[in-house]
Structure formats: C-alpha cells, structure tokens
C-alpha atoms as a PDB file:
ATOM      1  CA  MET A   1    -170.300  51.367  58.096  1.00  0.00           C
ATOM      2  CA  PRO A   2    -170.200  55.204  58.022  1.00  0.00           C
ATOM      3  CA  ALA A   3    -169.264  57.063  61.172  1.00  0.00           C
ATOM      4  CA  ASP A   4    -171.855  59.266  62.873  1.00  0.00           C
ATOM      5  CA  GLY A   5    -172.011  62.673  61.221  1.00  0.00           C
ATOM      6  CA  GLU A   6    -170.448  61.470  57.952  1.00  0.00           C
ATOM      7  CA  ALA A   7    -171.760  63.821  55.282  1.00  0.00           C
ATOM      8  CA  ALA A   8    -172.574  61.350  52.547  1.00  0.00           C
ATOM      9  CA  LEU A   9    -172.259  57.853  51.123  1.00  0.00           C
ATOM     10  CA  THR A  10    -170.318  57.413  47.902  1.00  0.00           C
ATOM     11  CA  THR A  11    -171.927  55.146  45.318  1.00  0.00           C
ATOM     12  CA  PRO A  12    -169.986  53.107  42.731  1.00  0.00           C
ATOM     13  CA  THR A  13    -170.748  55.822  40.128  1.00  0.00           C
ATOM     14  CA  GLY A  14    -168.992  58.481  42.231  1.00  0.00           C
ATOM     15  CA  ARG A  15    -172.233  60.186  43.256  1.00  0.00           C
ATOM     16  CA  ARG A  16    -172.687  60.957  46.908  1.00  0.00           C
ATOM     17  CA  ASN A  17    -176.136  60.939  48.446  1.00  0.00           C
ATOM     18  CA  ALA A  18    -175.737  64.109  50.492  1.00  0.00           C
ATOM     19  CA  PHE A  19    -179.189  65.063  51.838  1.00  0.00           C
ATOM     20  CA  ARG A  20    -177.780  68.044  53.736  1.00  0.00           C
ATOM     21  CA  PHE A  21    -178.772  71.701  53.901  1.00  0.00           C
ATOM     22  CA  GLY A  22    -176.916  74.377  52.000  1.00  0.00           C
ATOM     23  CA  VAL A  23    -177.173  78.068  51.206  1.00  0.00           C
ATOM     24  CA  ILE A  24    -177.228  79.647  47.762  1.00  0.00           C
ATOM     25  CA  ARG A  25    -175.455  83.020  47.877  1.00  0.00           C
ATOM     26  CA  PHE A  26    -175.532  85.612  45.105  1.00  0.00           C
ATOM     27  CA  ASP A  27    -175.002  89.320  44.480  1.00  0.00           C
ATOM     28  CA  SER A  28    -172.944  89.623  47.698  1.00  0.00           C
ATOM     29  CA  GLU A  29    -176.173  89.483  49.730  1.00  0.00           C
ATOM     30  CA  PRO A  30    -175.623  88.631  53.419  1.00  0.00           C
ATOM     31  CA  VAL A  31    -178.730  86.420  53.482  1.00  0.00           C
ATOM     32  CA  GLY A  32    -178.854  83.481  51.107  1.00  0.00           C
ATOM     33  CA  LEU A  33    -181.476  81.141  49.728  1.00  0.00           C
ATOM     34  CA  GLU A  34    -181.684  77.877  51.674  1.00  0.00           C
ATOM     35  CA  CYS A  35    -181.604  74.642  49.715  1.00  0.00           C
ATOM     36  CA  LEU A  36    -181.331  70.912  50.185  1.00  0.00           C
ATOM     37  CA  VAL A  37    -178.325  69.228  48.578  1.00  0.00           C
ATOM     38  CA  TRP A  38    -179.579  65.861  47.290  1.00  0.00           C
ATOM     39  CA  GLU A  39    -176.506  64.568  45.474  1.00  0.00           C
ATOM     40  CA  LEU A  40    -172.883  65.546  44.950  1.00  0.00           C
ATOM     41  CA  THR A  41    -170.369  64.536  42.327  1.00  0.00           C
ATOM     42  CA  GLY A  42    -166.881  65.855  41.728  1.00  0.00           C
ATOM     43  CA  ASP A  43    -168.325  68.167  39.084  1.00  0.00           C
ATOM     44  CA  GLY A  44    -171.632  69.347  40.531  1.00  0.00           C
ATOM     45  CA  ALA A  45    -174.759  68.716  42.559  1.00  0.00           C
ATOM     46  CA  ILE A  46    -178.513  68.338  42.549  1.00  0.00           C
ATOM     47  CA  LEU A  47    -180.277  70.873  44.767  1.00  0.00           C
ATOM     48  CA  GLU A  48    -183.861  71.481  45.835  1.00  0.00           C
ATOM     49  CA  ILE A  49    -185.220  74.935  46.634  1.00  0.00           C
ATOM     50  CA  GLU A  50    -188.531  76.119  48.097  1.00  0.00           C
ATOM     51  CA  PRO A  51    -191.483  76.156  45.662  1.00  0.00           C
ATOM     52  CA  HIS A  52    -191.689  79.948  45.239  1.00  0.00           C
ATOM     53  CA  SER A  53    -187.946  80.630  45.347  1.00  0.00           C
ATOM     54  CA  ILE A  54    -185.982  81.681  42.300  1.00  0.00           C
ATOM     55  CA  ALA A  55    -182.280  80.948  42.064  1.00  0.00           C
ATOM     56  CA  PRO A  56    -180.045  82.790  39.603  1.00  0.00           C
ATOM     57  CA  ASN A  57    -178.014  80.908  36.990  1.00  0.00           C
ATOM     58  CA  LEU A  58    -174.715  81.728  38.740  1.00  0.00           C
ATOM     59  CA  PHE A  59    -174.159  81.577  42.509  1.00  0.00           C
ATOM     60  CA  ARG A  60    -172.037  80.203  45.346  1.00  0.00           C
ATOM     61  CA  LEU A  61    -173.178  77.084  47.168  1.00  0.00           C
ATOM     62  CA  GLU A  62    -172.163  76.811  50.809  1.00  0.00           C
ATOM     63  CA  SER A  63    -172.735  73.924  53.203  1.00  0.00           C
ATOM     64  CA  ALA A  64    -170.863  73.596  56.485  1.00  0.00           C
ATOM     65  CA  ASP A  65    -172.125  70.007  56.857  1.00  0.00           C
ATOM     66  CA  LEU A  66    -170.536  69.071  53.521  1.00  0.00           C
ATOM     67  CA  SER A  67    -167.449  71.322  53.860  1.00  0.00           C
ATOM     68  CA  LEU A  68    -168.578  72.946  50.623  1.00  0.00           C
ATOM     69  CA  ASP A  69    -168.086  76.462  49.262  1.00  0.00           C
ATOM     70  CA  ARG A  70    -168.160  76.380  45.465  1.00  0.00           C
ATOM     71  CA  ALA A  71    -169.117  78.590  42.545  1.00  0.00           C
ATOM     72  CA  CYS A  72    -172.011  77.036  40.602  1.00  0.00           C
ATOM     73  CA  ARG A  73    -173.710  77.347  37.241  1.00  0.00           C
ATOM     74  CA  VAL A  74    -177.236  75.995  36.766  1.00  0.00           C
ATOM     75  CA  THR A  75    -177.311  73.431  33.942  1.00  0.00           C
ATOM     76  CA  GLY A  76    -180.856  72.169  34.444  1.00  0.00           C
ATOM     77  CA  ARG A  77    -184.122  73.060  36.164  1.00  0.00           C
ATOM     78  CA  GLU A  78    -187.043  70.747  36.802  1.00  0.00           C
ATOM     79  CA  GLY A  79    -189.666  72.020  39.202  1.00  0.00           C
ATOM     80  CA  ARG A  80    -187.960  72.704  42.529  1.00  0.00           C
ATOM     81  CA  LYS A  81    -184.761  70.841  41.580  1.00  0.00           C
ATOM     82  CA  LEU A  82    -181.634  72.426  40.117  1.00  0.00           C
ATOM     83  CA  THR A  83    -178.731  70.608  38.532  1.00  0.00           C
ATOM     84  CA  VAL A  84    -175.541  72.620  38.920  1.00  0.00           C
ATOM     85  CA  GLN A  85    -171.998  72.342  37.665  1.00  0.00           C
ATOM     86  CA  PHE A  86    -169.127  73.525  39.842  1.00  0.00           C
ATOM     87  CA  GLY A  87    -166.841  76.164  38.422  1.00  0.00           C
ATOM     88  CA  GLY A  88    -163.584  77.913  39.263  1.00  0.00           C
END
C-alpha cells in the first residue's frame, strides 16, 4: 500500500497515475501556466490545461509534488489535454 504523500502509483505498463499539479514555464517568464499532470512515463506525460489557455510546443514542466523539472515537447493535443515527450 502506498505511503501517504506518495506522488503516484506505477502500473504494469510503466505509466504512473500522477494526478498532481504542475507549472508550464516558457520564455523565461516568472509566472507559468498551471496544469494538471494526469500520467507520467519515463519518456513523457499527459497534461491538462485550462480551457482558454494556450501552451507553446516547447516548455519546461515543473512539479514539486512529483519532483519534476523537465524540458518538454508537445507531441499531441486533444481539447484541453497535451501529450508531451521529455527532452534533454
């Protein structure tokens, strides 16, 4: 059984159900775009942004709850959800 505060559960496919908040940062702006991190894999994530928000194709994803600070590239968009691949 997961300990309290554990960030995510790992499934047999290697996906982690994260359901934690994150921040999309771009163009060296001090204020980022809030998002919800739905799933994590070793290579990327599925994010959800607010309905009228627009995320660029390249950005940094930060989440203190998930100990995450990664460069991302958007590989898919469907409504409010973004599929991203982690880079460098």
